[in-house]
Amino acid sequence: MIGMGKVKAAVDSAVCRSRRAYAWATTRTHELVRSTKGQGTTEYAILVGVLVVIAILAIMVFRPKLQELWNAIAEGINGL
């Protein structure tokens, strides 16, 4: 039969391990939340997205002028 001292020691040991695991998990979670490692990449992705939207809008606005220019270049090449 197991003595009460051994049971108490086993429970205390398990509680100590669970407290250490909880402390480690809490610390690691806080480190991940405070991490700014991917911040630069995100900022560049947003910047590229904004530039793409601006380029699409510019093409839509200036499409007739671009079409005229393209046709003029094509006619010039065909006239050679």
PDB file of N, CA and C in Angstrom:
ATOM      1  N   MET A   1       0.823  -1.162   0.000  1.00  0.00           N
ATOM      2  CA  MET A   1       0.000   0.000   0.000  1.00  0.00           C
ATOM      3  C   MET A   1       0.882   1.245   0.000  1.00  0.00           C
ATOM      4  N   ILE A   2       0.447   2.263  -0.735  1.00  0.00           N
ATOM      5  CA  ILE A   2       1.223   3.492  -0.844  1.00  0.00           C
ATOM      6  C   ILE A   2       0.912   4.375   0.353  1.00  0.00           C
ATOM      7  N   GLY A   3       1.970   4.925   0.939  1.00  0.00           N
ATOM      8  CA  GLY A   3       1.770   5.802   2.090  1.00  0.00           C
ATOM      9  C   GLY A   3       1.290   7.180   1.649  1.00  0.00           C
ATOM     10  N   MET A   4       0.659   7.890   2.554  1.00  0.00           N
ATOM     11  CA  MET A   4       0.120   9.209   2.262  1.00  0.00           C
ATOM     12  C   MET A   4       1.231  10.193   1.900  1.00  0.00           C
ATOM     13  N   GLY A   5       2.406  10.004   2.453  1.00  0.00           N
ATOM     14  CA  GLY A   5       3.535  10.891   2.147  1.00  0.00           C
ATOM     15  C   GLY A   5       3.936  10.791   0.685  1.00  0.00           C
ATOM     16  N   LYS A   6       3.920   9.567   0.148  1.00  0.00           N
ATOM     17  CA  LYS A   6       4.264   9.364  -1.254  1.00  0.00           C
ATOM     18  C   LYS A   6       3.202   9.958  -2.178  1.00  0.00           C
ATOM     19  N   VAL A   7       1.944   9.813  -1.805  1.00  0.00           N
ATOM     20  CA  VAL A   7       0.853  10.378  -2.605  1.00  0.00           C
ATOM     21  C   VAL A   7       0.970  11.896  -2.620  1.00  0.00           C
ATOM     22  N   LYS A   8       1.197  12.475  -1.428  1.00  0.00           N
ATOM     23  CA  LYS A   8       1.330  13.927  -1.337  1.00  0.00           C
ATOM     24  C   LYS A   8       2.521  14.412  -2.146  1.00  0.00           C
ATOM     25  N   ALA A   9       3.618  13.697  -2.110  1.00  0.00           N
ATOM     26  CA  ALA A   9       4.805  14.079  -2.875  1.00  0.00           C
ATOM     27  C   ALA A   9       4.525  13.998  -4.377  1.00  0.00           C
ATOM     28  N   ALA A  10       3.796  12.980  -4.815  1.00  0.00           N
ATOM     29  CA  ALA A  10       3.464  12.828  -6.235  1.00  0.00           C
ATOM     30  C   ALA A  10       2.533  13.952  -6.690  1.00  0.00           C
ATOM     31  N   VAL A  11       1.556  14.293  -5.869  1.00  0.00           N
ATOM     32  CA  VAL A  11       0.633  15.381  -6.208  1.00  0.00           C
ATOM     33  C   VAL A  11       1.385  16.704  -6.252  1.00  0.00           C
ATOM     34  N   ASP A  12       2.234  16.950  -5.255  1.00  0.00           N
ATOM     35  CA  ASP A  12       3.018  18.192  -5.233  1.00  0.00           C
ATOM     36  C   ASP A  12       3.912  18.292  -6.467  1.00  0.00           C
ATOM     37  N   SER A  13       4.504  17.181  -6.854  1.00  0.00           N
ATOM     38  CA  SER A  13       5.362  17.163  -8.037  1.00  0.00           C
ATOM     39  C   SER A  13       4.557  17.464  -9.306  1.00  0.00           C
ATOM     40  N   ALA A  14       3.377  16.881  -9.424  1.00  0.00           N
ATOM     41  CA  ALA A  14       2.525  17.118 -10.594  1.00  0.00           C
ATOM     42  C   ALA A  14       2.063  18.569 -10.632  1.00  0.00           C
ATOM     43  N   VAL A  15       1.707  19.122  -9.490  1.00  0.00           N
ATOM     44  CA  VAL A  15       1.279  20.519  -9.423  1.00  0.00           C
ATOM     45  C   VAL A  15       2.429  21.434  -9.809  1.00  0.00           C
ATOM     46  N   CYS A  16       3.609  21.120  -9.339  1.00  0.00           N
ATOM     47  CA  CYS A  16       4.785  21.931  -9.666  1.00  0.00           C
ATOM     48  C   CYS A  16       5.059  21.899 -11.163  1.00  0.00           C
ATOM     49  N   ARG A  17       4.961  20.705 -11.776  1.00  0.00           N
ATOM     50  CA  ARG A  17       5.181  20.588 -13.220  1.00  0.00           C
ATOM     51  C   ARG A  17       4.117  21.349 -13.998  1.00  0.00           C
ATOM     52  N   SER A  18       2.865  21.266 -13.556  1.00  0.00           N
ATOM     53  CA  SER A  18       1.803  21.968 -14.278  1.00  0.00           C
ATOM     54  C   SER A  18       1.963  23.480 -14.139  1.00  0.00           C
ATOM     55  N   ARG A  19       2.414  23.955 -12.980  1.00  0.00           N
ATOM     56  CA  ARG A  19       2.657  25.392 -12.810  1.00  0.00           C
ATOM     57  C   ARG A  19       3.792  25.867 -13.715  1.00  0.00           C
ATOM     58  N   ARG A  20       4.846  25.060 -13.822  1.00  0.00           N
ATOM     59  CA  ARG A  20       5.958  25.424 -14.717  1.00  0.00           C
ATOM     60  C   ARG A  20       5.497  25.438 -16.163  1.00  0.00           C
ATOM     61  N   ALA A  21       4.688  24.450 -16.557  1.00  0.00           N
ATOM     62  CA  ALA A  21       4.183  24.386 -17.929  1.00  0.00           C
ATOM     63  C   ALA A  21       3.290  25.592 -18.214  1.00  0.00           C
ATOM     64  N   TYR A  22       2.439  25.949 -17.257  1.00  0.00           N
ATOM     65  CA  TYR A  22       1.562  27.109 -17.422  1.00  0.00           C
ATOM     66  C   TYR A  22       2.388  28.391 -17.545  1.00  0.00           C
ATOM     67  N   ALA A  23       3.397  28.533 -16.703  1.00  0.00           N
ATOM     68  CA  ALA A  23       4.249  29.722 -16.752  1.00  0.00           C
ATOM     69  C   ALA A  23       4.975  29.802 -18.094  1.00  0.00           C
ATOM     70  N   TRP A  24       5.491  28.669 -18.563  1.00  0.00           N
ATOM     71  CA  TRP A  24       6.184  28.661 -19.855  1.00  0.00           C
ATOM     72  C   TRP A  24       5.226  29.042 -20.975  1.00  0.00           C
ATOM     73  N   ALA A  25       4.019  28.447 -20.982  1.00  0.00           N
ATOM     74  CA  ALA A  25       3.044  28.730 -22.034  1.00  0.00           C
ATOM     75  C   ALA A  25       2.612  30.190 -22.001  1.00  0.00           C
ATOM     76  N   THR A  26       2.413  30.725 -20.813  1.00  0.00           N
ATOM     77  CA  THR A  26       2.020  32.134 -20.685  1.00  0.00           C
ATOM     78  C   THR A  26       3.127  33.047 -21.195  1.00  0.00           C
ATOM     79  N   THR A  27       4.350  32.773 -20.807  1.00  0.00           N
ATOM     80  CA  THR A  27       5.480  33.583 -21.250  1.00  0.00           C
ATOM     81  C   THR A  27       5.634  33.509 -22.761  1.00  0.00           C
ATOM     82  N   ARG A  28       5.536  32.324 -23.319  1.00  0.00           N
ATOM     83  CA  ARG A  28       5.681  32.134 -24.768  1.00  0.00           C
ATOM     84  C   ARG A  28       4.558  32.853 -25.524  1.00  0.00           C
ATOM     85  N   THR A  29       3.338  32.794 -25.006  1.00  0.00           N
ATOM     86  CA  THR A  29       2.213  33.480 -25.642  1.00  0.00           C
ATOM     87  C   THR A  29       2.432  34.983 -25.638  1.00  0.00           C
ATOM     88  N   HIS A  30       2.904  35.517 -24.526  1.00  0.00           N
ATOM     89  CA  HIS A  30       3.180  36.955 -24.452  1.00  0.00           C
ATOM     90  C   HIS A  30       4.282  37.352 -25.430  1.00  0.00           C
ATOM     91  N   GLU A  31       5.299  36.518 -25.576  1.00  0.00           N
ATOM     92  CA  GLU A  31       6.375  36.807 -26.528  1.00  0.00           C
ATOM     93  C   GLU A  31       5.843  36.827 -27.957  1.00  0.00           C
ATOM     94  N   LEU A  32       4.980  35.888 -28.290  1.00  0.00           N
ATOM     95  CA  LEU A  32       4.415  35.829 -29.641  1.00  0.00           C
ATOM     96  C   LEU A  32       3.520  37.031 -29.926  1.00  0.00           C
ATOM     97  N   VAL A  33       2.749  37.446 -28.933  1.00  0.00           N
ATOM     98  CA  VAL A  33       1.846  38.575 -29.118  1.00  0.00           C
ATOM     99  C   VAL A  33       2.650  39.867 -29.295  1.00  0.00           C
ATOM    100  N   ARG A  34       3.717  40.006 -28.533  1.00  0.00           N
ATOM    101  CA  ARG A  34       4.529  41.225 -28.607  1.00  0.00           C
ATOM    102  C   ARG A  34       5.521  41.218 -29.763  1.00  0.00           C
ATOM    103  N   SER A  35       5.679  40.104 -30.433  1.00  0.00           N
ATOM    104  CA  SER A  35       6.656  39.991 -31.511  1.00  0.00           C
ATOM    105  C   SER A  35       6.292  40.889 -32.686  1.00  0.00           C
ATOM    106  N   THR A  36       7.298  41.561 -33.245  1.00  0.00           N
ATOM    107  CA  THR A  36       7.092  42.421 -34.420  1.00  0.00           C
ATOM    108  C   THR A  36       7.892  41.884 -35.599  1.00  0.00           C
ATOM    109  N   LYS A  37       8.195  40.605 -35.580  1.00  0.00           N
ATOM    110  CA  LYS A  37       9.048  40.002 -36.591  1.00  0.00           C
ATOM    111  C   LYS A  37       8.486  40.138 -38.003  1.00  0.00           C
ATOM    112  N   GLY A  38       7.193  39.909 -38.203  1.00  0.00           N
ATOM    113  CA  GLY A  38       6.600  39.954 -39.526  1.00  0.00           C
ATOM    114  C   GLY A  38       6.004  41.304 -39.892  1.00  0.00           C
ATOM    115  N   GLN A  39       6.230  42.305 -39.061  1.00  0.00           N
ATOM    116  CA  GLN A  39       5.615  43.603 -39.289  1.00  0.00           C
ATOM    117  C   GLN A  39       6.096  44.242 -40.588  1.00  0.00           C
ATOM    118  N   GLY A  40       7.388  44.182 -40.882  1.00  0.00           N
ATOM    119  CA  GLY A  40       7.920  44.787 -42.098  1.00  0.00           C
ATOM    120  C   GLY A  40       7.338  44.154 -43.353  1.00  0.00           C
ATOM    121  N   THR A  41       7.224  42.841 -43.349  1.00  0.00           N
ATOM    122  CA  THR A  41       6.659  42.134 -44.497  1.00  0.00           C
ATOM    123  C   THR A  41       5.216  42.550 -44.730  1.00  0.00           C
ATOM    124  N   THR A  42       4.465  42.672 -43.666  1.00  0.00           N
ATOM    125  CA  THR A  42       3.063  43.090 -43.785  1.00  0.00           C
ATOM    126  C   THR A  42       2.969  44.497 -44.357  1.00  0.00           C
ATOM    127  N   GLU A  43       3.822  45.383 -43.899  1.00  0.00           N
ATOM    128  CA  GLU A  43       3.802  46.758 -44.402  1.00  0.00           C
ATOM    129  C   GLU A  43       4.137  46.792 -45.895  1.00  0.00           C
ATOM    130  N   TYR A  44       5.101  46.009 -46.324  1.00  0.00           N
ATOM    131  CA  TYR A  44       5.439  45.961 -47.746  1.00  0.00           C
ATOM    132  C   TYR A  44       4.287  45.380 -48.569  1.00  0.00           C
ATOM    133  N   ALA A  45       3.614  44.377 -48.040  1.00  0.00           N
ATOM    134  CA  ALA A  45       2.482  43.785 -48.757  1.00  0.00           C
ATOM    135  C   ALA A  45       1.353  44.803 -48.923  1.00  0.00           C
ATOM    136  N   ILE A  46       1.090  45.576 -47.885  1.00  0.00           N
ATOM    137  CA  ILE A  46       0.062  46.619 -47.981  1.00  0.00           C
ATOM    138  C   ILE A  46       0.477  47.667 -48.996  1.00  0.00           C
ATOM    139  N   LEU A  47       1.736  48.067 -48.984  1.00  0.00           N
ATOM    140  CA  LEU A  47       2.240  49.066 -49.930  1.00  0.00           C
ATOM    141  C   LEU A  47       2.103  48.571 -51.365  1.00  0.00           C
ATOM    142  N   VAL A  48       2.477  47.327 -51.625  1.00  0.00           N
ATOM    143  CA  VAL A  48       2.363  46.764 -52.972  1.00  0.00           C
ATOM    144  C   VAL A  48       0.893  46.704 -53.388  1.00  0.00           C
ATOM    145  N   GLY A  49       0.015  46.333 -52.483  1.00  0.00           N
ATOM    146  CA  GLY A  49      -1.409  46.295 -52.790  1.00  0.00           C
ATOM    147  C   GLY A  49      -1.956  47.665 -53.168  1.00  0.00           C
ATOM    148  N   VAL A  50      -1.546  48.687 -52.435  1.00  0.00           N
ATOM    149  CA  VAL A  50      -1.994  50.053 -52.745  1.00  0.00           C
ATOM    150  C   VAL A  50      -1.465  50.482 -54.107  1.00  0.00           C
ATOM    151  N   LEU A  51      -0.211  50.162 -54.398  1.00  0.00           N
ATOM    152  CA  LEU A  51       0.358  50.536 -55.697  1.00  0.00           C
ATOM    153  C   LEU A  51      -0.359  49.829 -56.850  1.00  0.00           C
ATOM    154  N   VAL A  52      -0.738  48.581 -56.650  1.00  0.00           N
ATOM    155  CA  VAL A  52      -1.471  47.847 -57.687  1.00  0.00           C
ATOM    156  C   VAL A  52      -2.829  48.495 -57.938  1.00  0.00           C
ATOM    157  N   VAL A  53      -3.517  48.879 -56.871  1.00  0.00           N
ATOM    158  CA  VAL A  53      -4.813  49.540 -57.025  1.00  0.00           C
ATOM    159  C   VAL A  53      -4.648  50.861 -57.770  1.00  0.00           C
ATOM    160  N   ILE A  54      -3.622  51.631 -57.428  1.00  0.00           N
ATOM    161  CA  ILE A  54      -3.374  52.902 -58.112  1.00  0.00           C
ATOM    162  C   ILE A  54      -3.068  52.661 -59.586  1.00  0.00           C
ATOM    163  N   ALA A  55      -2.277  51.641 -59.903  1.00  0.00           N
ATOM    164  CA  ALA A  55      -1.951  51.336 -61.297  1.00  0.00           C
ATOM    165  C   ALA A  55      -3.208  50.937 -62.075  1.00  0.00           C
ATOM    166  N   ILE A  56      -4.060  50.135 -61.482  1.00  0.00           N
ATOM    167  CA  ILE A  56      -5.294  49.721 -62.159  1.00  0.00           C
ATOM    168  C   ILE A  56      -6.194  50.931 -62.409  1.00  0.00           C
ATOM    169  N   LEU A  57      -6.330  51.794 -61.422  1.00  0.00           N
ATOM    170  CA  LEU A  57      -7.145  53.001 -61.591  1.00  0.00           C
ATOM    171  C   LEU A  57      -6.571  53.911 -62.680  1.00  0.00           C
ATOM    172  N   ALA A  58      -5.249  54.050 -62.716  1.00  0.00           N
ATOM    173  CA  ALA A  58      -4.613  54.893 -63.733  1.00  0.00           C
ATOM    174  C   ALA A  58      -4.854  54.327 -65.129  1.00  0.00           C
ATOM    175  N   ILE A  59      -4.757  53.027 -65.279  1.00  0.00           N
ATOM    176  CA  ILE A  59      -5.002  52.398 -66.582  1.00  0.00           C
ATOM    177  C   ILE A  59      -6.457  52.600 -67.004  1.00  0.00           C
ATOM    178  N   MET A  60      -7.376  52.477 -66.063  1.00  0.00           N
ATOM    179  CA  MET A  60      -8.789  52.668 -66.397  1.00  0.00           C
ATOM    180  C   MET A  60      -9.076  54.116 -66.799  1.00  0.00           C
ATOM    181  N   VAL A  61      -8.470  55.065 -66.105  1.00  0.00           N
ATOM    182  CA  VAL A  61      -8.717  56.479 -66.393  1.00  0.00           C
ATOM    183  C   VAL A  61      -8.083  56.881 -67.720  1.00  0.00           C
ATOM    184  N   PHE A  62      -6.865  56.455 -67.976  1.00  0.00           N
ATOM    185  CA  PHE A  62      -6.128  56.867 -69.167  1.00  0.00           C
ATOM    186  C   PHE A  62      -6.217  55.862 -70.314  1.00  0.00           C
ATOM    187  N   ARG A  63      -7.129  54.911 -70.237  1.00  0.00           N
ATOM    188  CA  ARG A  63      -7.245  53.873 -71.258  1.00  0.00           C
ATOM    189  C   ARG A  63      -7.427  54.435 -72.670  1.00  0.00           C
ATOM    190  N   PRO A  64      -8.313  55.416 -72.896  1.00  0.00           N
ATOM    191  CA  PRO A  64      -8.458  55.935 -74.262  1.00  0.00           C
ATOM    192  C   PRO A  64      -7.155  56.544 -74.801  1.00  0.00           C
ATOM    193  N   LYS A  65      -6.466  57.298 -73.981  1.00  0.00           N
ATOM    194  CA  LYS A  65      -5.198  57.908 -74.409  1.00  0.00           C
ATOM    195  C   LYS A  65      -4.148  56.827 -74.669  1.00  0.00           C
ATOM    196  N   LEU A  66      -4.098  55.819 -73.814  1.00  0.00           N
ATOM    197  CA  LEU A  66      -3.143  54.727 -74.022  1.00  0.00           C
ATOM    198  C   LEU A  66      -3.456  53.965 -75.300  1.00  0.00           C
ATOM    199  N   GLN A  67      -4.745  53.779 -75.589  1.00  0.00           N
ATOM    200  CA  GLN A  67      -5.146  53.084 -76.812  1.00  0.00           C
ATOM    201  C   GLN A  67      -4.721  53.883 -78.042  1.00  0.00           C
ATOM    202  N   GLU A  68      -4.909  55.213 -77.997  1.00  0.00           N
ATOM    203  CA  GLU A  68      -4.479  56.068 -79.112  1.00  0.00           C
ATOM    204  C   GLU A  68      -2.968  55.984 -79.309  1.00  0.00           C
ATOM    205  N   LEU A  69      -2.235  56.047 -78.223  1.00  0.00           N
ATOM    206  CA  LEU A  69      -0.774  55.971 -78.291  1.00  0.00           C
ATOM    207  C   LEU A  69      -0.345  54.620 -78.858  1.00  0.00           C
ATOM    208  N   TRP A  70      -0.956  53.539 -78.393  1.00  0.00           N
ATOM    209  CA  TRP A  70      -0.616  52.201 -78.869  1.00  0.00           C
ATOM    210  C   TRP A  70      -0.905  52.060 -80.369  1.00  0.00           C
ATOM    211  N   ASN A  71      -2.044  52.590 -80.793  1.00  0.00           N
ATOM    212  CA  ASN A  71      -2.391  52.527 -82.209  1.00  0.00           C
ATOM    213  C   ASN A  71      -1.409  53.344 -83.054  1.00  0.00           C
ATOM    214  N   ALA A  72      -0.999  54.510 -82.573  1.00  0.00           N
ATOM    215  CA  ALA A  72      -0.043  55.341 -83.291  1.00  0.00           C
ATOM    216  C   ALA A  72       1.294  54.630 -83.442  1.00  0.00           C
ATOM    217  N   ILE A  73       1.720  53.966 -82.356  1.00  0.00           N
ATOM    218  CA  ILE A  73       2.992  53.217 -82.412  1.00  0.00           C
ATOM    219  C   ILE A  73       2.859  52.066 -83.397  1.00  0.00           C
ATOM    220  N   ALA A  74       1.758  51.339 -83.348  1.00  0.00           N
ATOM    221  CA  ALA A  74       1.542  50.206 -84.261  1.00  0.00           C
ATOM    222  C   ALA A  74       1.519  50.675 -85.720  1.00  0.00           C
ATOM    223  N   GLU A  75       0.844  51.791 -86.000  1.00  0.00           N
ATOM    224  CA  GLU A  75       0.796  52.327 -87.366  1.00  0.00           C
ATOM    225  C   GLU A  75       2.184  52.774 -87.820  1.00  0.00           C
ATOM    226  N   GLY A  76       2.951  53.367 -86.926  1.00  0.00           N
ATOM    227  CA  GLY A  76       4.310  53.784 -87.241  1.00  0.00           C
ATOM    228  C   GLY A  76       5.202  52.595 -87.587  1.00  0.00           C
ATOM    229  N   ILE A  77       5.062  51.519 -86.855  1.00  0.00           N
ATOM    230  CA  ILE A  77       5.858  50.314 -87.119  1.00  0.00           C
ATOM    231  C   ILE A  77       5.419  49.690 -88.420  1.00  0.00           C
ATOM    232  N   ASN A  78       4.117  49.635 -88.681  1.00  0.00           N
ATOM    233  CA  ASN A  78       3.611  49.046 -89.914  1.00  0.00           C
ATOM    234  C   ASN A  78       3.998  49.894 -91.135  1.00  0.00           C
ATOM    235  N   GLY A  79       4.206  51.193 -90.941  1.00  0.00           N
ATOM    236  CA  GLY A  79       4.564  52.081 -92.046  1.00  0.00           C
ATOM    237  C   GLY A  79       6.037  51.980 -92.432  1.00  0.00           C
ATOM    238  N   LEU A  80       6.808  51.262 -91.649  1.00  0.00           N
ATOM    239  CA  LEU A  80       8.231  51.134 -91.967  1.00  0.00           C
ATOM    240  C   LEU A  80       8.359  50.209 -93.118  1.00  0.00           C
TER     241      LEU A  80
END
